[in-house]
Protein backbone atom coordinates (compact mmCIF):
# COMPACT_ATOMS: atom_id res chain seq x y z
CA MET A 1 -0.30 -0.16 -0.17
CA GLY A 2 2.94 2.44 1.04
CA LEU A 3 4.22 1.51 -2.87
CA THR A 4 0.75 2.46 -4.33
CA LEU A 5 1.24 6.15 -2.08
CA ILE A 6 4.50 6.92 -3.62
CA ARG A 7 3.37 6.22 -6.95
CA GLU A 8 0.62 8.16 -6.40
CA ASN A 9 2.36 10.99 -5.29
CA LEU A 10 5.24 10.71 -7.97
CA PHE A 11 2.30 10.77 -10.81
CA LEU A 12 0.82 13.60 -9.21
CA GLU A 13 3.99 16.04 -9.06
CA ILE A 14 5.28 15.12 -12.77
CA ASN A 15 1.48 15.76 -14.25
CA ALA A 16 0.93 19.22 -12.34
CA ILE A 17 4.54 20.19 -13.84
CA LEU A 18 3.46 18.74 -17.13
CA SER A 19 0.58 20.83 -17.14
CA GLY A 20 2.09 23.99 -15.94
CA GLU A 21 0.37 24.00 -12.43
CA ASN A 22 2.35 25.89 -9.32
CA ILE A 23 0.20 24.31 -6.91
CA ASN A 24 -0.69 20.79 -7.37
CA ARG A 25 -2.33 17.82 -5.22
CA ALA A 26 0.49 15.73 -4.14
CA ASN A 27 0.47 14.45 -0.39
CA PHE A 28 4.15 15.74 -0.14
CA TYR A 29 6.63 17.01 -2.06
CA LEU A 30 9.25 14.33 -2.53
CA PHE A 31 10.82 15.06 -5.96
CA TYR A 32 8.79 18.30 -7.04
CA GLU A 33 11.35 20.65 -7.04
CA TYR A 34 14.08 18.02 -9.01
CA PHE A 35 11.34 17.18 -11.36
CA ALA A 36 10.30 20.62 -12.21
CA SER A 37 14.53 21.09 -13.30
CA PHE A 38 13.70 18.25 -16.30
CA SER A 39 12.62 19.19 -19.74
CA ILE A 40 8.94 18.22 -21.04
CA GLU A 41 10.17 15.46 -23.36
CA LYS A 42 12.16 14.07 -20.51
CA LEU A 43 9.52 14.25 -18.34
CA SER A 44 7.20 12.34 -20.46
CA LEU A 45 9.65 9.70 -21.15
CA LEU A 46 10.10 9.51 -17.51
CA LYS A 47 6.25 8.69 -17.03
CA TRP A 48 6.33 6.18 -19.42
CA ILE A 49 9.26 4.29 -17.91
CA LEU A 50 7.42 5.07 -14.54
CA SER A 51 4.40 3.42 -15.25
CA ILE A 52 6.64 0.56 -16.91
CA ALA A 53 8.44 -0.28 -13.66
CA PHE A 54 5.39 0.34 -11.14
CA ILE A 55 3.42 -2.31 -13.56
CA ALA A 56 6.55 -4.64 -13.04
CA ILE A 57 6.75 -3.49 -9.09
CA MET A 58 2.93 -5.06 -9.02
CA ILE A 59 3.08 -8.47 -10.87
CA THR A 60 6.18 -9.13 -9.22
CA THR A 61 4.56 -8.03 -5.50
CA SER A 62 1.59 -9.90 -6.71
CA TYR A 63 2.98 -13.20 -7.78
CA VAL A 64 5.61 -13.40 -5.21
CA ALA A 65 3.08 -12.68 -2.86
CA LEU A 66 0.18 -15.60 -4.08
CA HIS A 67 2.97 -17.93 -4.54
CA PHE A 68 4.19 -18.02 -0.53
CA TRP A 69 0.81 -17.45 0.74
CA TYR A 70 -0.37 -20.56 -1.06
CA GLU A 71 2.14 -22.75 -2.70
CA LYS A 72 0.49 -24.12 -5.72
CA LYS A 73 1.99 -23.70 -8.98
CA GLN A 74 -1.26 -23.85 -10.71
CA TYR A 75 -2.23 -20.60 -8.79
CA ASN A 76 1.65 -19.40 -10.45
CA LYS A 77 0.16 -20.58 -13.77
CA ILE A 78 -3.07 -18.33 -13.47
CA THR A 79 -1.79 -15.28 -12.12
CA GLY A 80 1.10 -15.08 -14.93
CA TRP A 81 -1.90 -15.99 -17.25
CA PHE A 82 -3.56 -13.33 -15.53
CA TYR A 83 -1.32 -10.40 -16.07
CA SER A 84 -0.26 -11.58 -19.57
CA VAL A 85 -3.90 -11.33 -20.95
CA VAL A 86 -4.82 -7.99 -19.22
CA ILE A 87 -1.17 -6.87 -20.89
CA VAL A 88 -1.68 -7.62 -24.52
CA VAL A 89 -5.30 -6.60 -24.49
CA LEU A 90 -3.53 -3.63 -23.21
CA LEU A 91 -1.76 -3.44 -25.63
CA LEU A 92 -3.36 -4.18 -28.61
CA LEU A 93 -6.19 -1.38 -27.38
CA VAL A 94 -2.94 0.79 -27.78
CA VAL A 95 -2.29 0.10 -31.18
CA VAL A 96 -5.76 -0.29 -32.76
CA THR A 97 -6.63 3.06 -31.05
CA LYS A 98 -3.57 4.71 -32.68
CA VAL A 99 -3.69 2.99 -36.04
CA THR A 100 -8.02 3.64 -36.19
CA GLY A 101 -7.11 7.16 -34.77
CA VAL A 102 -9.12 6.96 -31.52
CA PHE A 103 -6.40 6.74 -29.23
CA ASP A 104 -7.53 10.15 -27.62
CA ASP A 105 -11.16 8.96 -27.04
CA ALA A 106 -9.71 5.87 -25.49
CA TYR A 107 -7.26 7.12 -23.19
CA VAL A 108 -9.37 7.07 -20.18
CA LEU A 109 -9.96 3.58 -20.69
CA LEU A 110 -6.49 2.82 -21.65
CA ARG A 111 -5.19 4.75 -18.49
CA LYS A 112 -7.89 2.94 -16.28
CA MET A 113 -6.24 -0.38 -17.31
CA ILE A 114 -2.63 1.10 -16.58
CA GLY A 115 -3.61 2.29 -13.25
CA PHE A 116 -5.45 -1.33 -12.26
CA LEU A 117 -2.17 -2.67 -13.51
CA GLN A 118 0.25 -0.92 -10.73
CA SER A 119 -2.49 -1.13 -7.81
CA PRO A 120 -2.90 -3.77 -5.66
CA LEU A 121 -6.45 -4.48 -6.83
CA PRO A 122 -5.37 -7.57 -8.59
CA LEU A 123 -3.49 -8.98 -6.17
CA PHE A 124 -7.22 -8.63 -3.60
CA ILE A 125 -8.64 -9.97 -6.86
CA LEU A 126 -6.61 -13.19 -7.21
CA PHE A 127 -6.17 -13.57 -3.73
CA SER A 128 -9.95 -13.66 -2.81
CA ILE A 129 -10.48 -16.09 -5.68
CA TYR A 130 -7.45 -18.20 -4.57
CA PHE A 131 -8.66 -18.21 -1.30
CA TYR A 132 -12.31 -19.40 -1.84
CA LEU A 133 -11.16 -22.30 -4.72
CA SER A 134 -9.08 -23.61 -1.96
CA LYS A 135 -11.98 -23.57 0.48
CA SER A 136 -14.59 -24.32 -1.40
CA VAL A 137 -15.55 -28.59 -1.77
CA ASP A 138 -14.45 -30.93 -4.27
CA ILE A 139 -18.18 -32.51 -5.06
CA ARG A 140 -15.98 -35.23 -7.38
CA LYS A 141 -14.81 -36.19 -3.90
CA PHE A 142 -18.51 -37.47 -2.98
CA ASN A 143 -19.54 -38.76 -6.36
CA LYS A 144 -16.97 -42.16 -4.97
């Protein structure tokens, strides 16, 4: 959770500078002065790099947490497929919207998907599903 707070704060600081706001909505100002010295191009590139980094961190955190909590290789595969499918769909949407010229119209949806991947929400969803699966009764045991 602390990681998502830091992530949100960093992006609020960067977005405030990119939009030319003198006052931003960040909870604390860790890097505002440092980021303010960057060019717009460097800040835009930094946003992409940070987005990819936070997605990778959250995927790794989710995978490791679920692996150690449940210790089932089947769940590891499901977690990998889950993230792979979401990322592939996201990338396909980016390519299709760029090619068709509707990227700006679809930006909100794409941004929500990226935000989803950068949040602990997939971890919570997968944890809940695996918890349910591990506690549910296998009906096949009673058919013998």
